[in-house]
C-alpha cells in the first residue's frame, strides 16, 4: 500500500507545472493583447483547476507546513476552514454554471468553464483537507 501512496505522491508534483502554466495565462494578455483577457483567464482557471486536482493526490498523512498543522489540529479552525472552502466551491460551481448557460456571449460566459474546473478541483482538495484534519486530530489525541 505504501508503494501506491508513494506513486500518487509523486504524481501530485504535476500540480506545479499546471499552476505555472495557469500563471503564464494570467499574465499573457498584459504583454500581448488585452482584448483576449477573458479567454486567457479562462485558460488560466482551467490549468489552475487541474493543478488543484493534482495537489489532492498527495499523502494526506503529511502536512506541508506548521501553519496548516495548527489549523488542522484545532477543531474550531478546521471547521471554519472547511466552511470557507465549501463556500468557495459553491460559488465557483454556481458562477460557472450560470455563465455556461447564459445565452448571450459576454465576458462572464467566457470564464464559465474555468470556474467550473476550479470548483471541481477544490472538491477534491476539500476531501484531502478533511482527511488531513482527521489524521492530525487523531495523532494529537493519541
N, C-alpha and C. Protein backbone atom coordinates (compact mmCIF):
# COMPACT_ATOMS: atom_id res chain seq x y z
N UNK A 1 0.82 -1.19 0.00
CA UNK A 1 0.00 0.00 0.00
C UNK A 1 0.86 1.26 0.00
N UNK A 2 2.00 1.21 0.69
CA UNK A 2 2.89 2.37 0.72
C UNK A 2 3.44 2.67 -0.67
N UNK A 3 3.59 1.62 -1.48
CA UNK A 3 4.11 1.82 -2.83
C UNK A 3 3.14 2.67 -3.66
N UNK A 4 1.85 2.38 -3.56
CA UNK A 4 0.85 3.15 -4.29
C UNK A 4 0.76 4.58 -3.76
N UNK A 5 0.82 4.72 -2.46
CA UNK A 5 0.79 6.05 -1.86
C UNK A 5 1.97 6.88 -2.36
N UNK A 6 3.14 6.24 -2.46
CA UNK A 6 4.33 6.93 -2.95
C UNK A 6 4.17 7.33 -4.42
N UNK A 7 3.58 6.45 -5.23
CA UNK A 7 3.36 6.76 -6.65
C UNK A 7 2.43 7.97 -6.79
N UNK A 8 1.32 7.96 -6.06
CA UNK A 8 0.39 9.08 -6.13
C UNK A 8 1.02 10.37 -5.59
N UNK A 9 1.85 10.24 -4.57
CA UNK A 9 2.52 11.41 -4.04
C UNK A 9 3.44 12.03 -5.10
N UNK A 10 4.13 11.19 -5.85
CA UNK A 10 5.00 11.70 -6.92
C UNK A 10 4.18 12.32 -8.05
N UNK A 11 3.07 11.70 -8.39
CA UNK A 11 2.20 12.26 -9.44
C UNK A 11 1.66 13.63 -9.01
N UNK A 12 1.47 13.82 -7.71
CA UNK A 12 0.92 15.09 -7.22
C UNK A 12 1.84 16.27 -7.52
N UNK A 13 3.12 16.01 -7.78
CA UNK A 13 4.03 17.10 -8.11
C UNK A 13 3.74 17.71 -9.47
N UNK A 14 2.86 17.09 -10.26
CA UNK A 14 2.43 17.69 -11.52
C UNK A 14 1.60 18.95 -11.29
N UNK A 15 1.18 19.17 -10.04
CA UNK A 15 0.43 20.38 -9.74
C UNK A 15 1.24 21.64 -10.06
N UNK A 16 2.55 21.59 -9.85
CA UNK A 16 3.38 22.79 -10.04
C UNK A 16 3.48 23.23 -11.49
N UNK A 17 3.72 22.33 -12.46
CA UNK A 17 3.71 22.80 -13.86
C UNK A 17 2.34 23.34 -14.28
N UNK A 18 1.26 22.71 -13.84
CA UNK A 18 -0.07 23.21 -14.20
C UNK A 18 -0.32 24.59 -13.61
N UNK A 19 0.11 24.80 -12.38
CA UNK A 19 -0.05 26.12 -11.76
C UNK A 19 0.78 27.17 -12.49
N UNK A 20 1.99 26.80 -12.88
CA UNK A 20 2.84 27.74 -13.62
C UNK A 20 2.24 28.07 -14.99
N UNK A 21 1.68 27.08 -15.66
CA UNK A 21 1.02 27.35 -16.94
C UNK A 21 -0.17 28.28 -16.72
N UNK A 22 -0.93 28.05 -15.66
CA UNK A 22 -2.04 28.93 -15.32
C UNK A 22 -1.58 30.34 -15.05
N UNK A 23 -0.47 30.48 -14.34
CA UNK A 23 0.10 31.79 -14.06
C UNK A 23 0.54 32.48 -15.35
N UNK A 24 1.11 31.71 -16.27
CA UNK A 24 1.50 32.24 -17.58
C UNK A 24 0.29 32.84 -18.29
N UNK A 25 -0.82 32.12 -18.30
CA UNK A 25 -2.02 32.62 -18.97
C UNK A 25 -2.63 33.81 -18.24
N UNK A 26 -2.39 33.95 -16.95
CA UNK A 26 -2.87 35.13 -16.21
C UNK A 26 -2.17 36.39 -16.69
N UNK A 27 -0.87 36.31 -16.94
CA UNK A 27 -0.09 37.48 -17.31
C UNK A 27 0.02 37.70 -18.80
N UNK A 28 -0.28 36.70 -19.60
CA UNK A 28 -0.11 36.79 -21.05
C UNK A 28 -0.84 37.97 -21.69
N UNK A 29 -2.11 38.25 -21.34
CA UNK A 29 -2.80 39.37 -22.00
C UNK A 29 -2.15 40.72 -21.75
N UNK A 30 -1.46 40.87 -20.63
CA UNK A 30 -0.84 42.14 -20.30
C UNK A 30 0.39 42.42 -21.16
N UNK A 31 0.96 41.36 -21.73
CA UNK A 31 2.14 41.52 -22.58
C UNK A 31 1.80 41.42 -24.07
N UNK A 32 0.61 40.95 -24.40
CA UNK A 32 0.24 40.82 -25.81
C UNK A 32 -0.95 41.71 -26.12
N UNK A 33 -2.14 41.19 -26.01
CA UNK A 33 -3.34 41.92 -26.42
C UNK A 33 -4.40 41.80 -25.33
N UNK A 34 -4.81 42.93 -24.77
CA UNK A 34 -5.79 42.91 -23.68
C UNK A 34 -7.19 42.49 -24.14
N UNK A 35 -7.42 42.47 -25.44
CA UNK A 35 -8.75 42.07 -25.91
C UNK A 35 -9.02 40.58 -25.67
N UNK A 36 -7.97 39.80 -25.41
CA UNK A 36 -8.13 38.37 -25.14
C UNK A 36 -8.08 38.06 -23.64
N UNK A 37 -8.26 39.08 -22.82
CA UNK A 37 -8.13 38.92 -21.36
C UNK A 37 -9.00 37.79 -20.81
N UNK A 38 -10.28 37.78 -21.14
CA UNK A 38 -11.18 36.79 -20.54
C UNK A 38 -10.95 35.39 -21.10
N UNK A 39 -10.56 35.29 -22.35
CA UNK A 39 -10.23 33.98 -22.92
C UNK A 39 -9.00 33.41 -22.22
N UNK A 40 -7.99 34.26 -22.01
CA UNK A 40 -6.76 33.82 -21.33
C UNK A 40 -7.02 33.50 -19.86
N UNK A 41 -7.88 34.28 -19.21
CA UNK A 41 -8.21 33.99 -17.81
C UNK A 41 -8.95 32.66 -17.69
N UNK A 42 -9.79 32.35 -18.67
CA UNK A 42 -10.47 31.05 -18.67
C UNK A 42 -9.45 29.93 -18.77
N UNK A 43 -8.47 30.08 -19.65
CA UNK A 43 -7.40 29.07 -19.77
C UNK A 43 -6.64 28.96 -18.45
N UNK A 44 -6.36 30.12 -17.83
CA UNK A 44 -5.64 30.11 -16.55
C UNK A 44 -6.43 29.35 -15.50
N UNK A 45 -7.74 29.60 -15.43
CA UNK A 45 -8.57 28.92 -14.44
C UNK A 45 -8.62 27.41 -14.69
N UNK A 46 -8.65 27.00 -15.96
CA UNK A 46 -8.67 25.57 -16.27
C UNK A 46 -7.38 24.92 -15.78
N UNK A 47 -6.23 25.55 -16.07
CA UNK A 47 -4.96 24.96 -15.63
C UNK A 47 -4.81 25.02 -14.11
N UNK A 48 -5.30 26.07 -13.48
CA UNK A 48 -5.27 26.13 -12.01
C UNK A 48 -6.15 25.02 -11.42
N UNK A 49 -7.31 24.79 -12.02
CA UNK A 49 -8.18 23.70 -11.57
C UNK A 49 -7.51 22.35 -11.69
N UNK A 50 -6.80 22.14 -12.81
CA UNK A 50 -6.04 20.89 -12.97
C UNK A 50 -4.95 20.77 -11.91
N UNK A 51 -4.26 21.88 -11.66
CA UNK A 51 -3.21 21.87 -10.63
C UNK A 51 -3.76 21.55 -9.26
N UNK A 52 -4.90 22.14 -8.94
CA UNK A 52 -5.54 21.85 -7.65
C UNK A 52 -5.94 20.38 -7.58
N UNK A 53 -6.44 19.84 -8.68
CA UNK A 53 -6.82 18.42 -8.71
C UNK A 53 -5.62 17.52 -8.46
N UNK A 54 -4.49 17.83 -9.09
CA UNK A 54 -3.30 17.01 -8.87
C UNK A 54 -2.76 17.17 -7.45
N UNK A 55 -2.97 18.32 -6.83
CA UNK A 55 -2.48 18.51 -5.46
C UNK A 55 -3.20 17.61 -4.47
N UNK A 56 -4.40 17.16 -4.82
CA UNK A 56 -5.15 16.29 -3.90
C UNK A 56 -4.62 14.87 -3.88
N UNK A 57 -3.70 14.54 -4.78
CA UNK A 57 -3.13 13.19 -4.80
C UNK A 57 -2.00 13.01 -3.78
N UNK A 58 -1.61 14.08 -3.12
CA UNK A 58 -0.51 13.98 -2.16
C UNK A 58 -0.93 13.17 -0.94
N UNK A 59 0.06 12.77 -0.16
CA UNK A 59 -0.18 11.96 1.03
C UNK A 59 -0.90 12.80 2.07
N UNK A 60 -2.08 12.39 2.46
CA UNK A 60 -2.87 13.17 3.41
C UNK A 60 -2.44 12.94 4.86
N UNK A 61 -1.47 12.06 5.08
CA UNK A 61 -0.98 11.85 6.43
C UNK A 61 0.17 12.80 6.76
N UNK A 62 0.61 13.56 5.77
CA UNK A 62 1.67 14.54 5.99
C UNK A 62 1.11 15.94 5.79
N UNK A 63 1.60 16.86 6.60
CA UNK A 63 1.20 18.26 6.49
C UNK A 63 2.40 19.03 5.96
N UNK A 64 2.13 19.96 5.02
CA UNK A 64 3.22 20.64 4.34
C UNK A 64 3.94 21.68 5.20
N UNK A 65 3.24 22.36 6.09
CA UNK A 65 3.88 23.41 6.88
C UNK A 65 3.21 23.53 8.25
N UNK A 66 3.84 24.29 9.13
CA UNK A 66 3.34 24.43 10.50
C UNK A 66 2.02 25.19 10.56
N UNK A 67 1.83 26.13 9.65
CA UNK A 67 0.57 26.88 9.62
C UNK A 67 -0.61 25.94 9.38
N UNK A 68 -0.47 25.06 8.39
CA UNK A 68 -1.52 24.07 8.11
C UNK A 68 -1.72 23.14 9.29
N UNK A 69 -0.63 22.76 9.92
CA UNK A 69 -0.71 21.85 11.07
C UNK A 69 -1.51 22.49 12.21
N UNK A 70 -1.29 23.79 12.45
CA UNK A 70 -2.04 24.47 13.51
C UNK A 70 -3.53 24.53 13.19
N UNK A 71 -3.85 24.74 11.92
CA UNK A 71 -5.27 24.77 11.53
C UNK A 71 -5.90 23.40 11.70
N UNK A 72 -5.22 22.36 11.23
CA UNK A 72 -5.78 21.01 11.25
C UNK A 72 -5.86 20.43 12.66
N UNK A 73 -5.01 20.86 13.57
CA UNK A 73 -5.04 20.33 14.93
C UNK A 73 -6.07 21.02 15.81
N UNK A 74 -6.56 22.16 15.38
CA UNK A 74 -7.57 22.89 16.13
C UNK A 74 -8.94 22.64 15.49
N UNK A 75 -9.84 21.95 16.18
CA UNK A 75 -11.14 21.62 15.57
C UNK A 75 -11.94 22.86 15.14
N UNK A 76 -11.87 23.93 15.90
CA UNK A 76 -12.61 25.15 15.54
C UNK A 76 -12.05 25.76 14.25
N UNK A 77 -10.73 25.85 14.15
CA UNK A 77 -10.10 26.39 12.94
C UNK A 77 -10.39 25.51 11.74
N UNK A 78 -10.38 24.21 11.95
CA UNK A 78 -10.67 23.27 10.86
C UNK A 78 -12.10 23.47 10.37
N UNK A 79 -13.03 23.64 11.30
CA UNK A 79 -14.43 23.84 10.91
C UNK A 79 -14.59 25.12 10.09
N UNK A 80 -13.95 26.20 10.52
CA UNK A 80 -14.01 27.46 9.78
C UNK A 80 -13.39 27.29 8.39
N UNK A 81 -12.24 26.63 8.34
CA UNK A 81 -11.55 26.40 7.07
C UNK A 81 -12.42 25.59 6.10
N UNK A 82 -13.04 24.54 6.60
CA UNK A 82 -13.89 23.70 5.76
C UNK A 82 -15.12 24.48 5.28
N UNK A 83 -15.70 25.29 6.15
CA UNK A 83 -16.86 26.10 5.76
C UNK A 83 -16.50 27.13 4.70
N UNK A 84 -15.36 27.80 4.87
CA UNK A 84 -14.92 28.79 3.88
C UNK A 84 -14.64 28.11 2.55
N UNK A 85 -13.95 26.98 2.60
CA UNK A 85 -13.64 26.26 1.36
C UNK A 85 -14.92 25.77 0.69
N UNK A 86 -15.87 25.30 1.47
CA UNK A 86 -17.15 24.85 0.90
C UNK A 86 -17.89 26.01 0.23
N UNK A 87 -17.85 27.17 0.86
CA UNK A 87 -18.47 28.35 0.26
C UNK A 87 -17.81 28.74 -1.05
N UNK A 88 -16.49 28.65 -1.09
CA UNK A 88 -15.77 28.96 -2.33
C UNK A 88 -16.13 27.97 -3.43
N UNK A 89 -16.21 26.70 -3.08
CA UNK A 89 -16.57 25.67 -4.07
C UNK A 89 -17.97 25.95 -4.61
N UNK A 90 -18.89 26.23 -3.72
CA UNK A 90 -20.26 26.53 -4.13
C UNK A 90 -20.29 27.74 -5.06
N UNK A 91 -19.55 28.79 -4.70
CA UNK A 91 -19.50 29.99 -5.53
C UNK A 91 -18.94 29.69 -6.91
N UNK A 92 -17.79 29.00 -6.98
CA UNK A 92 -17.16 28.72 -8.27
C UNK A 92 -18.07 27.86 -9.15
N UNK A 93 -18.66 26.84 -8.57
CA UNK A 93 -19.51 25.94 -9.37
C UNK A 93 -20.78 26.63 -9.85
N UNK A 94 -21.45 27.36 -8.96
CA UNK A 94 -22.69 28.05 -9.35
C UNK A 94 -22.39 29.16 -10.36
N UNK A 95 -21.35 29.95 -10.10
CA UNK A 95 -21.00 31.02 -11.04
C UNK A 95 -20.63 30.44 -12.40
N UNK A 96 -19.90 29.34 -12.41
CA UNK A 96 -19.53 28.70 -13.67
C UNK A 96 -20.73 28.17 -14.41
N UNK A 97 -21.66 27.55 -13.69
CA UNK A 97 -22.87 27.02 -14.34
C UNK A 97 -23.76 28.14 -14.87
N UNK A 98 -23.87 29.22 -14.12
CA UNK A 98 -24.64 30.37 -14.60
C UNK A 98 -24.01 30.92 -15.88
N UNK A 99 -22.70 31.08 -15.87
CA UNK A 99 -22.01 31.58 -17.06
C UNK A 99 -22.11 30.63 -18.23
N UNK A 100 -22.09 29.34 -17.95
CA UNK A 100 -22.17 28.35 -19.02
C UNK A 100 -23.52 28.37 -19.72
N UNK A 101 -24.59 28.58 -18.96
CA UNK A 101 -25.92 28.54 -19.54
C UNK A 101 -26.47 29.91 -19.95
N UNK A 102 -25.64 30.94 -19.84
CA UNK A 102 -26.07 32.25 -20.35
C UNK A 102 -26.16 32.18 -21.87
N UNK A 103 -27.22 32.71 -22.42
CA UNK A 103 -27.41 32.59 -23.87
C UNK A 103 -26.53 33.57 -24.64
N UNK A 104 -26.30 34.73 -24.09
CA UNK A 104 -25.50 35.71 -24.81
C UNK A 104 -24.02 35.53 -24.53
N UNK A 105 -23.22 35.89 -25.49
CA UNK A 105 -21.76 35.75 -25.36
C UNK A 105 -21.24 37.01 -24.69
N UNK A 106 -20.79 36.89 -23.46
CA UNK A 106 -20.19 38.02 -22.77
C UNK A 106 -18.96 37.54 -22.01
N UNK A 107 -18.31 38.47 -21.33
CA UNK A 107 -17.06 38.14 -20.63
C UNK A 107 -17.27 37.06 -19.58
N UNK A 108 -18.38 37.13 -18.86
CA UNK A 108 -18.64 36.16 -17.80
C UNK A 108 -18.82 34.75 -18.36
N UNK A 109 -19.49 34.64 -19.50
CA UNK A 109 -19.70 33.32 -20.09
C UNK A 109 -18.39 32.72 -20.60
N UNK A 110 -17.39 33.58 -20.91
CA UNK A 110 -16.09 33.08 -21.34
C UNK A 110 -15.30 32.46 -20.19
N UNK A 111 -15.61 32.86 -18.97
CA UNK A 111 -14.91 32.34 -17.79
C UNK A 111 -15.58 31.09 -17.20
N UNK A 112 -16.72 30.72 -17.73
CA UNK A 112 -17.55 29.67 -17.13
C UNK A 112 -16.83 28.34 -16.97
N UNK A 113 -16.24 27.84 -18.03
CA UNK A 113 -15.61 26.53 -17.96
C UNK A 113 -14.44 26.53 -16.96
N UNK A 114 -13.69 27.61 -16.92
CA UNK A 114 -12.58 27.72 -15.97
C UNK A 114 -13.07 27.73 -14.53
N UNK A 115 -14.16 28.45 -14.27
CA UNK A 115 -14.71 28.48 -12.91
C UNK A 115 -15.19 27.10 -12.47
N UNK A 116 -15.82 26.38 -13.39
CA UNK A 116 -16.27 25.02 -13.06
C UNK A 116 -15.07 24.12 -12.79
N UNK A 117 -14.00 24.27 -13.57
CA UNK A 117 -12.79 23.45 -13.36
C UNK A 117 -12.17 23.70 -11.99
N UNK A 118 -12.11 24.97 -11.59
CA UNK A 118 -11.56 25.29 -10.27
C UNK A 118 -12.46 24.72 -9.17
N UNK A 119 -13.77 24.84 -9.34
CA UNK A 119 -14.70 24.30 -8.34
C UNK A 119 -14.57 22.81 -8.18
N UNK A 120 -14.47 22.09 -9.30
CA UNK A 120 -14.32 20.63 -9.23
C UNK A 120 -12.98 20.25 -8.60
N UNK A 121 -11.92 20.98 -8.96
CA UNK A 121 -10.62 20.71 -8.35
C UNK A 121 -10.64 20.93 -6.85
N UNK A 122 -11.37 21.96 -6.42
CA UNK A 122 -11.43 22.25 -4.99
C UNK A 122 -12.26 21.24 -4.22
N UNK A 123 -13.17 20.53 -4.89
CA UNK A 123 -13.93 19.48 -4.20
C UNK A 123 -12.96 18.39 -3.72
N UNK A 124 -12.04 18.00 -4.58
CA UNK A 124 -11.03 17.02 -4.19
C UNK A 124 -10.12 17.56 -3.10
N UNK A 125 -9.81 18.85 -3.20
CA UNK A 125 -8.96 19.48 -2.20
C UNK A 125 -9.66 19.51 -0.83
N UNK A 126 -10.97 19.73 -0.84
CA UNK A 126 -11.74 19.72 0.40
C UNK A 126 -11.69 18.34 1.05
N UNK A 127 -11.84 17.30 0.25
CA UNK A 127 -11.77 15.93 0.77
C UNK A 127 -10.39 15.67 1.39
N UNK A 128 -9.33 16.09 0.70
CA UNK A 128 -7.98 15.90 1.22
C UNK A 128 -7.77 16.69 2.51
N UNK A 129 -8.30 17.90 2.58
CA UNK A 129 -8.16 18.71 3.78
C UNK A 129 -8.88 18.07 4.97
N UNK A 130 -10.04 17.51 4.73
CA UNK A 130 -10.78 16.83 5.81
C UNK A 130 -10.01 15.60 6.29
N UNK A 131 -9.43 14.85 5.35
CA UNK A 131 -8.63 13.68 5.73
C UNK A 131 -7.40 14.10 6.53
N UNK A 132 -6.74 15.18 6.12
CA UNK A 132 -5.56 15.67 6.85
C UNK A 132 -5.96 16.10 8.26
N UNK A 133 -7.08 16.80 8.37
CA UNK A 133 -7.53 17.25 9.68
C UNK A 133 -7.85 16.07 10.59
N UNK A 134 -8.54 15.07 10.06
CA UNK A 134 -8.85 13.87 10.85
C UNK A 134 -7.57 13.19 11.33
N UNK A 135 -6.62 13.04 10.43
CA UNK A 135 -5.36 12.38 10.79
C UNK A 135 -4.61 13.19 11.85
N UNK A 136 -4.53 14.50 11.69
CA UNK A 136 -3.80 15.34 12.65
C UNK A 136 -4.48 15.33 14.01
N UNK A 137 -5.81 15.36 14.04
CA UNK A 137 -6.51 15.36 15.32
C UNK A 137 -6.39 14.01 16.02
N UNK A 138 -6.41 12.91 15.25
CA UNK A 138 -6.19 11.59 15.84
C UNK A 138 -4.78 11.47 16.38
N UNK A 139 -3.82 12.00 15.62
CA UNK A 139 -2.42 11.94 16.04
C UNK A 139 -2.20 12.78 17.30
N UNK A 140 -2.89 13.91 17.40
CA UNK A 140 -2.75 14.78 18.56
C UNK A 140 -3.38 14.14 19.80
N UNK A 141 -4.49 13.43 19.63
CA UNK A 141 -5.21 12.81 20.75
C UNK A 141 -4.57 11.52 21.23
N UNK A 142 -3.71 10.91 20.42
CA UNK A 142 -3.11 9.64 20.86
C UNK A 142 -1.78 9.84 21.52
